């Protein structure tokens, strides 16, 4: 009972953490919006620091609906085309039961055991050992695995990996990650545009405020305007960096949950541990864009990621959690051949 309690406590803790991390994107978008207004006021009209701040606060009252609409349009575009973009970036292609019956039957049995809809299956033709789940609604959920994973993992290990990816779908992790990537993409897009125009603060020549411009005084204090421009750019840069770190943190916390979910589905923590050990040494997939690394069961980056810049917790940390909370055994790298009693047998 202690192990079961510890496992579900671990899941609940990570769910709460993910909610707080995702909510922080809203604050970052507001910070970026206010910074853009500051840049407009300082770069166009100048003035003292107090004038610029007061004008920016007034502008935000009128500008936030436009910012919300722009973010909404970005979200709708990503919502409509995200799966095509992910498949293009990862080179994942659909596969039918007759082509890969072992893969299809294993996932189908896991879905039947929990009464969930069967996601689409896809193959990535690479020798790397990796897998990912994607999608934001029942009609386009999918699970993709690499050819190397199919060739090198045993039946039990394959079931554990598929259980991991199916848990991402059951827990709505794929939705969360798509939304996180979209929000981070908005901030990255703004940051990229602004820093491509870094020349404008230094060639700064503000226009005088007009008397009809909502009653504001004519500009003065060009030094204050330049300082505010620098501060606004710094806020945008920091917001972009923090948004990337938040996206990575959400991904890391969700991997622990998916490992735990795989154990719940298969009742086989040893298989999940063994699969992670084997994936650890061969997860790399060349040319996969960094923006989709977080979707995979282990980062496909060629070089290991560390600390806050990692999209995944270390395999050692994940195995430690499985041993500590799920009663698994780290028995090395030999394949687990024997079929245990489980929902796929």
Protein backbone atom coordinates (compact mmCIF):
# COMPACT_ATOMS: atom_id res chain seq x y z
CA UNK A 1 0.00 0.00 0.00
CA UNK A 2 2.84 2.41 0.77
CA UNK A 3 4.20 2.07 -2.73
CA UNK A 4 0.78 2.64 -4.31
CA UNK A 5 0.17 5.69 -2.13
CA UNK A 6 3.62 7.03 -3.02
CA UNK A 7 3.00 6.51 -6.74
CA UNK A 8 -0.27 8.43 -6.77
CA UNK A 9 1.09 11.17 -4.51
CA UNK A 10 3.89 11.59 -7.06
CA UNK A 11 1.33 11.86 -9.87
CA UNK A 12 -0.81 14.42 -8.02
CA UNK A 13 2.21 16.55 -7.14
CA UNK A 14 3.33 16.72 -10.76
CA UNK A 15 -0.17 17.54 -12.02
CA UNK A 16 -0.41 20.52 -9.66
CA UNK A 17 3.05 21.66 -10.74
CA UNK A 18 2.10 21.49 -14.42
CA UNK A 19 -1.03 23.61 -13.87
CA UNK A 20 1.01 26.35 -12.18
CA UNK A 21 3.68 26.24 -14.87
CA UNK A 22 1.14 26.55 -17.67
CA UNK A 23 -0.68 29.40 -15.90
CA UNK A 24 2.58 31.35 -15.80
CA UNK A 25 2.47 31.61 -19.61
CA UNK A 26 -0.45 34.01 -19.20
CA UNK A 27 1.67 36.32 -17.05
CA UNK A 28 4.51 36.20 -19.56
CA UNK A 29 2.23 37.12 -22.45
CA UNK A 30 0.98 40.12 -20.47
CA UNK A 31 4.59 41.13 -19.77
CA UNK A 32 5.43 40.91 -23.46
CA UNK A 33 2.33 42.93 -24.42
CA UNK A 34 3.22 45.71 -21.98
CA UNK A 35 6.82 45.71 -23.23
CA UNK A 36 5.64 46.10 -26.83
CA UNK A 37 3.50 49.09 -25.81
CA UNK A 38 6.47 50.60 -23.98
CA UNK A 39 8.58 50.19 -27.13
CA UNK A 40 5.91 51.88 -29.21
CA UNK A 41 5.54 54.83 -26.85
CA UNK A 42 9.25 55.34 -26.25
CA UNK A 43 10.30 54.76 -29.86
CA UNK A 44 7.54 56.85 -31.43
CA UNK A 45 6.96 59.73 -29.04
CA UNK A 46 9.69 59.67 -26.40
CA UNK A 47 9.13 61.74 -23.28
CA UNK A 48 10.07 61.38 -19.66
CA UNK A 49 9.96 57.97 -17.98
CA UNK A 50 6.77 58.90 -16.14
CA UNK A 51 5.08 60.11 -19.35
CA UNK A 52 6.01 56.92 -21.22
CA UNK A 53 4.82 54.65 -18.41
CA UNK A 54 1.55 56.51 -17.98
CA UNK A 55 0.93 56.46 -21.75
CA UNK A 56 1.76 52.75 -21.93
CA UNK A 57 -0.68 51.90 -19.14
CA UNK A 58 -3.38 53.87 -20.95
CA UNK A 59 -2.54 52.18 -24.27
CA UNK A 60 -2.72 48.69 -22.74
CA UNK A 61 -6.33 49.39 -21.81
CA UNK A 62 -7.06 49.70 -25.53
CA UNK A 63 -4.46 47.29 -26.91
CA UNK A 64 -5.13 44.11 -24.93
CA UNK A 65 -8.16 43.05 -27.05
CA UNK A 66 -6.02 43.29 -30.20
CA UNK A 67 -3.27 41.28 -28.52
CA UNK A 68 -5.82 38.69 -27.43
CA UNK A 69 -7.20 38.43 -30.96
CA UNK A 70 -3.69 38.04 -32.44
CA UNK A 71 -2.85 35.31 -29.92
CA UNK A 72 -6.18 33.63 -30.66
CA UNK A 73 -5.50 33.61 -34.41
CA UNK A 74 -2.06 32.12 -33.79
CA UNK A 75 -3.64 29.46 -31.59
CA UNK A 76 -6.32 28.60 -34.18
CA UNK A 77 -3.73 28.19 -36.92
CA UNK A 78 -1.59 25.96 -34.71
CA UNK A 79 -4.68 24.03 -33.59
CA UNK A 80 -5.66 23.31 -37.17
CA UNK A 81 -2.24 22.39 -38.54
CA UNK A 82 -0.15 21.25 -35.56
CA UNK A 83 -0.36 17.53 -36.41
CA UNK A 84 0.83 18.06 -39.97
CA UNK A 85 3.70 20.20 -38.70
CA UNK A 86 4.72 17.58 -36.11
CA UNK A 87 4.58 14.76 -38.67
CA UNK A 88 6.62 16.82 -41.13
CA UNK A 89 9.22 17.67 -38.49
CA UNK A 90 9.58 14.08 -37.27
CA UNK A 91 9.01 12.31 -40.63
CA UNK A 92 6.35 10.11 -39.01
CA UNK A 93 4.18 8.18 -41.49
CA UNK A 94 0.97 6.26 -40.87
CA UNK A 95 0.97 2.47 -40.74
CA UNK A 96 -1.83 -0.13 -40.96
CA UNK A 97 -2.35 -3.33 -38.96
CA UNK A 98 -1.34 -5.60 -41.86
CA UNK A 99 2.06 -3.87 -42.11
CA UNK A 100 2.89 -3.96 -38.37
CA UNK A 101 0.56 -6.45 -36.64
CA UNK A 102 2.76 -6.80 -33.55
CA UNK A 103 2.79 -3.08 -32.91
CA UNK A 104 -0.89 -2.61 -33.73
CA UNK A 105 -2.10 -5.53 -31.60
CA UNK A 106 -0.05 -4.50 -28.58
CA UNK A 107 -1.44 -0.98 -28.56
CA UNK A 108 -4.97 -2.16 -29.33
CA UNK A 109 -4.95 -4.54 -26.35
CA UNK A 110 -3.77 -1.78 -24.04
CA UNK A 111 -6.55 0.50 -25.31
CA UNK A 112 -9.18 -2.21 -24.84
CA UNK A 113 -7.99 -2.86 -21.28
CA UNK A 114 -8.75 0.77 -20.36
CA UNK A 115 -11.68 1.41 -22.69
CA UNK A 116 -9.98 4.22 -24.63
CA UNK A 117 -10.14 4.92 -28.35
CA UNK A 118 -7.36 3.54 -30.51
CA UNK A 119 -5.01 6.33 -31.62
CA UNK A 120 -3.46 6.33 -35.08
CA UNK A 121 -0.16 4.49 -35.38
CA UNK A 122 2.87 5.91 -37.15
CA UNK A 123 6.43 4.80 -37.89
CA UNK A 124 9.59 6.90 -38.07
CA UNK A 125 12.09 5.15 -40.33
CA UNK A 126 15.25 5.60 -38.29
CA UNK A 127 17.54 3.34 -36.30
CA UNK A 128 17.14 5.51 -33.19
CA UNK A 129 15.11 4.15 -30.29
CA UNK A 130 12.33 6.58 -29.52
CA UNK A 131 8.57 7.20 -29.54
CA UNK A 132 6.10 10.01 -29.02
CA UNK A 133 2.37 10.74 -28.74
CA UNK A 134 0.66 13.78 -30.21
CA UNK A 135 -2.77 15.25 -30.90
CA UNK A 136 -5.32 17.39 -29.11
CA UNK A 137 -8.61 15.61 -29.79
CA UNK A 138 -9.87 12.07 -30.29
CA UNK A 139 -9.91 12.29 -34.06
CA UNK A 140 -6.18 13.04 -34.41
CA UNK A 141 -4.44 11.40 -31.45
CA UNK A 142 -1.48 9.36 -32.66
CA UNK A 143 1.42 7.30 -31.36
CA UNK A 144 4.64 7.14 -33.36
CA UNK A 145 7.54 4.77 -32.79
CA UNK A 146 10.87 4.43 -34.55
CA UNK A 147 11.94 1.42 -36.57
CA UNK A 148 14.84 0.93 -34.20
CA UNK A 149 12.48 0.70 -31.23
CA UNK A 150 10.42 -1.99 -32.96
CA UNK A 151 13.50 -3.97 -33.92
CA UNK A 152 15.31 -3.91 -30.57
CA UNK A 153 12.69 -3.96 -27.82
CA UNK A 154 11.08 -7.12 -26.49
CA UNK A 155 7.32 -7.59 -26.30
CA UNK A 156 7.18 -6.47 -22.68
CA UNK A 157 9.39 -3.46 -23.28
CA UNK A 158 7.35 -2.42 -26.33
CA UNK A 159 4.14 -2.70 -24.30
CA UNK A 160 5.69 -0.52 -21.59
CA UNK A 161 6.67 2.18 -24.11
CA UNK A 162 3.23 2.13 -25.74
CA UNK A 163 1.66 2.30 -22.28
CA UNK A 164 3.78 5.38 -21.59
CA UNK A 165 2.61 7.08 -24.78
CA UNK A 166 -1.01 6.06 -24.25
CA UNK A 167 -0.83 7.62 -20.77
CA UNK A 168 0.25 10.91 -22.35
CA UNK A 169 -2.98 10.79 -24.37
CA UNK A 170 -5.17 9.67 -21.43
CA UNK A 171 -3.74 12.43 -19.20
CA UNK A 172 -4.19 15.05 -21.96
CA UNK A 173 -0.43 15.66 -21.87
CA UNK A 174 -0.35 15.95 -25.65
CA UNK A 175 -2.87 18.80 -25.47
CA UNK A 176 -0.86 20.49 -22.73
CA UNK A 177 2.40 20.26 -24.68
CA UNK A 178 0.85 21.59 -27.89
CA UNK A 179 -0.58 24.56 -25.97
CA UNK A 180 2.77 25.13 -24.24
CA UNK A 181 4.60 25.08 -27.58
CA UNK A 182 2.05 27.51 -29.05
CA UNK A 183 2.40 29.97 -26.15
CA UNK A 184 6.18 29.72 -26.20
CA UNK A 185 6.04 30.17 -29.96
CA UNK A 186 4.09 33.43 -29.63
CA UNK A 187 6.72 34.86 -27.29
CA UNK A 188 9.59 33.54 -29.41
CA UNK A 189 8.02 35.07 -32.53
CA UNK A 190 7.75 38.50 -30.89
CA UNK A 191 11.28 38.27 -29.50
CA UNK A 192 12.66 37.29 -32.90
CA UNK A 193 10.98 40.23 -34.64
CA UNK A 194 12.12 42.75 -32.03
CA UNK A 195 15.74 41.60 -31.93
CA UNK A 196 15.98 41.59 -35.70
CA UNK A 197 15.34 45.33 -35.41
CA UNK A 198 17.85 46.08 -32.68
CA UNK A 199 19.13 49.03 -34.67
CA UNK A 200 16.08 51.19 -33.99
CA UNK A 201 16.77 52.10 -30.33
CA UNK A 202 20.26 53.28 -31.26
CA UNK A 203 19.13 55.28 -34.25
CA UNK A 204 16.38 56.62 -32.01
CA UNK A 205 14.55 59.74 -33.19
CA UNK A 206 11.16 60.08 -31.51
CA UNK A 207 8.35 62.10 -33.00
CA UNK A 208 7.05 64.97 -30.88
CA UNK A 209 3.79 64.31 -29.13
CA UNK A 210 0.87 66.07 -30.71
CA UNK A 211 -1.43 68.20 -28.61
CA UNK A 212 -4.34 66.07 -29.82
CA UNK A 213 -2.70 62.85 -28.65
CA UNK A 214 -5.06 62.26 -25.72
CA UNK A 215 -3.81 65.40 -24.00
CA UNK A 216 -0.27 64.24 -23.42
CA UNK A 217 2.56 66.72 -23.16
CA UNK A 218 5.22 67.13 -25.83
CA UNK A 219 8.13 64.82 -25.47
CA UNK A 220 11.34 65.47 -23.67
CA UNK A 221 13.99 63.42 -21.91
CA UNK A 222 15.26 61.28 -24.78
CA UNK A 223 17.64 59.47 -22.42
CA UNK A 224 14.71 58.14 -20.41
CA UNK A 225 13.08 56.86 -23.58
CA UNK A 226 16.22 54.98 -24.63
CA UNK A 227 16.48 53.44 -21.15
CA UNK A 228 12.86 52.27 -21.30
CA UNK A 229 13.45 50.80 -24.76
CA UNK A 230 16.39 48.80 -23.41
CA UNK A 231 14.36 47.65 -20.39
CA UNK A 232 11.42 46.63 -22.60
CA UNK A 233 13.71 44.60 -24.87
CA UNK A 234 15.24 42.96 -21.82
CA UNK A 235 11.76 42.00 -20.54
CA UNK A 236 10.89 40.45 -23.91
CA UNK A 237 14.17 38.50 -23.96
CA UNK A 238 13.68 37.30 -20.38
CA UNK A 239 10.05 36.35 -21.10
CA UNK A 240 11.17 34.29 -24.09
CA UNK A 241 13.82 32.52 -22.02
CA UNK A 242 11.41 31.84 -19.15
CA UNK A 243 8.74 30.55 -21.57
CA UNK A 244 11.24 28.04 -22.96
CA UNK A 245 12.20 26.94 -19.44
CA UNK A 246 8.52 26.54 -18.51
CA UNK A 247 7.91 24.42 -21.58
CA UNK A 248 10.83 22.21 -20.65
CA UNK A 249 9.67 21.97 -17.02
CA UNK A 250 6.17 20.89 -18.08
CA UNK A 251 7.69 18.20 -20.26
CA UNK A 252 9.93 16.92 -17.45
CA UNK A 253 7.09 16.62 -14.93
CA UNK A 254 4.85 14.86 -17.44
CA UNK A 255 7.42 12.15 -18.17
CA UNK A 256 7.27 10.95 -14.57
CA UNK A 257 3.47 10.76 -14.84
CA UNK A 258 3.61 8.80 -18.09
CA UNK A 259 6.10 6.30 -16.64
CA UNK A 260 3.77 5.78 -13.70
CA UNK A 261 0.80 5.43 -16.05
CA UNK A 262 2.60 2.77 -18.04
CA UNK A 263 3.12 0.76 -14.86
CA UNK A 264 -0.57 1.15 -14.01
CA UNK A 265 -1.54 -0.15 -17.46
CA UNK A 266 0.91 -3.04 -17.75
CA UNK A 267 1.53 -3.90 -14.09
CA UNK A 268 5.17 -4.35 -15.16
CA UNK A 269 7.56 -1.70 -13.78
CA UNK A 270 10.57 -3.86 -14.66
CA UNK A 271 9.69 -3.64 -18.36
CA UNK A 272 9.46 0.17 -18.20
CA UNK A 273 12.84 0.32 -16.47
CA UNK A 274 14.43 -2.03 -19.00
CA UNK A 275 12.96 -0.09 -21.93
CA UNK A 276 14.31 3.20 -20.55
CA UNK A 277 17.77 1.67 -20.16
CA UNK A 278 17.80 0.56 -23.78
CA UNK A 279 16.33 3.81 -25.11
CA UNK A 280 18.86 5.84 -23.11
CA UNK A 281 21.74 4.64 -25.30
CA UNK A 282 20.06 5.05 -28.68
CA UNK A 283 17.43 7.81 -28.47
CA UNK A 284 19.12 10.26 -30.86
CA UNK A 285 17.30 11.05 -34.11
CA UNK A 286 19.21 13.38 -36.45
CA UNK A 287 17.58 16.55 -37.77
CA UNK A 288 14.54 16.55 -35.48
CA UNK A 289 13.78 20.23 -34.64
CA UNK A 290 14.29 21.20 -31.01
CA UNK A 291 10.71 22.47 -30.69
CA UNK A 292 9.36 18.90 -30.84
CA UNK A 293 11.98 17.23 -28.63
CA UNK A 294 9.64 17.43 -25.63
CA UNK A 295 7.08 15.15 -27.28
CA UNK A 296 9.40 12.12 -27.32
CA UNK A 297 9.80 9.53 -24.57
CA UNK A 298 13.47 10.60 -24.38
CA UNK A 299 15.09 13.60 -25.99
CA UNK A 300 16.22 12.83 -29.57
CA UNK A 301 18.99 15.44 -29.32
CA UNK A 302 22.42 14.26 -30.42
CA UNK A 303 24.04 15.68 -27.27
CA UNK A 304 22.60 15.06 -23.79
CA UNK A 305 20.59 17.94 -22.32
CA UNK A 306 21.27 18.98 -18.75
CA UNK A 307 19.53 20.84 -15.94
CA UNK A 308 16.90 23.47 -16.68
CA UNK A 309 17.64 23.27 -20.40
CA UNK A 310 16.62 19.62 -20.59
CA UNK A 311 13.25 18.55 -22.01
CA UNK A 312 13.27 15.32 -20.00
CA UNK A 313 14.32 14.24 -16.52
CA UNK A 314 17.36 12.00 -16.49
CA UNK A 315 16.78 8.31 -17.06
CA UNK A 316 18.41 7.70 -13.68
CA UNK A 317 15.81 9.92 -11.97
CA UNK A 318 12.96 8.19 -13.79
CA UNK A 319 14.22 4.75 -12.90
CA UNK A 320 14.73 5.82 -9.29
CA UNK A 321 11.06 6.91 -9.15
CA UNK A 322 9.93 3.59 -10.62
CA UNK A 323 12.00 1.65 -8.10
CA UNK A 324 10.98 3.83 -5.15
CA UNK A 325 7.28 4.27 -5.86
CA UNK A 326 6.30 1.36 -8.13
CA UNK A 327 8.49 -1.42 -6.73
CA UNK A 328 10.44 -1.93 -9.95
CA UNK A 329 13.88 -3.53 -10.27
CA UNK A 330 16.74 -2.14 -12.31
CA UNK A 331 17.99 -5.43 -13.68
CA UNK A 332 20.27 -4.16 -16.41
CA UNK A 333 20.07 -4.10 -20.18
CA UNK A 334 19.09 -7.65 -21.08
CA UNK A 335 15.76 -7.82 -22.95
CA UNK A 336 12.73 -9.00 -21.02
CA UNK A 337 11.46 -11.86 -23.12
CA UNK A 338 9.03 -13.73 -20.92
CA UNK A 339 5.45 -12.51 -21.14
CA UNK A 340 3.97 -11.58 -17.74
CA UNK A 341 0.32 -11.69 -16.93
CA UNK A 342 -1.08 -8.40 -18.07
CA UNK A 343 -3.76 -6.75 -20.18
CA UNK A 344 -1.93 -7.43 -23.45
CA UNK A 345 -1.28 -11.17 -22.86
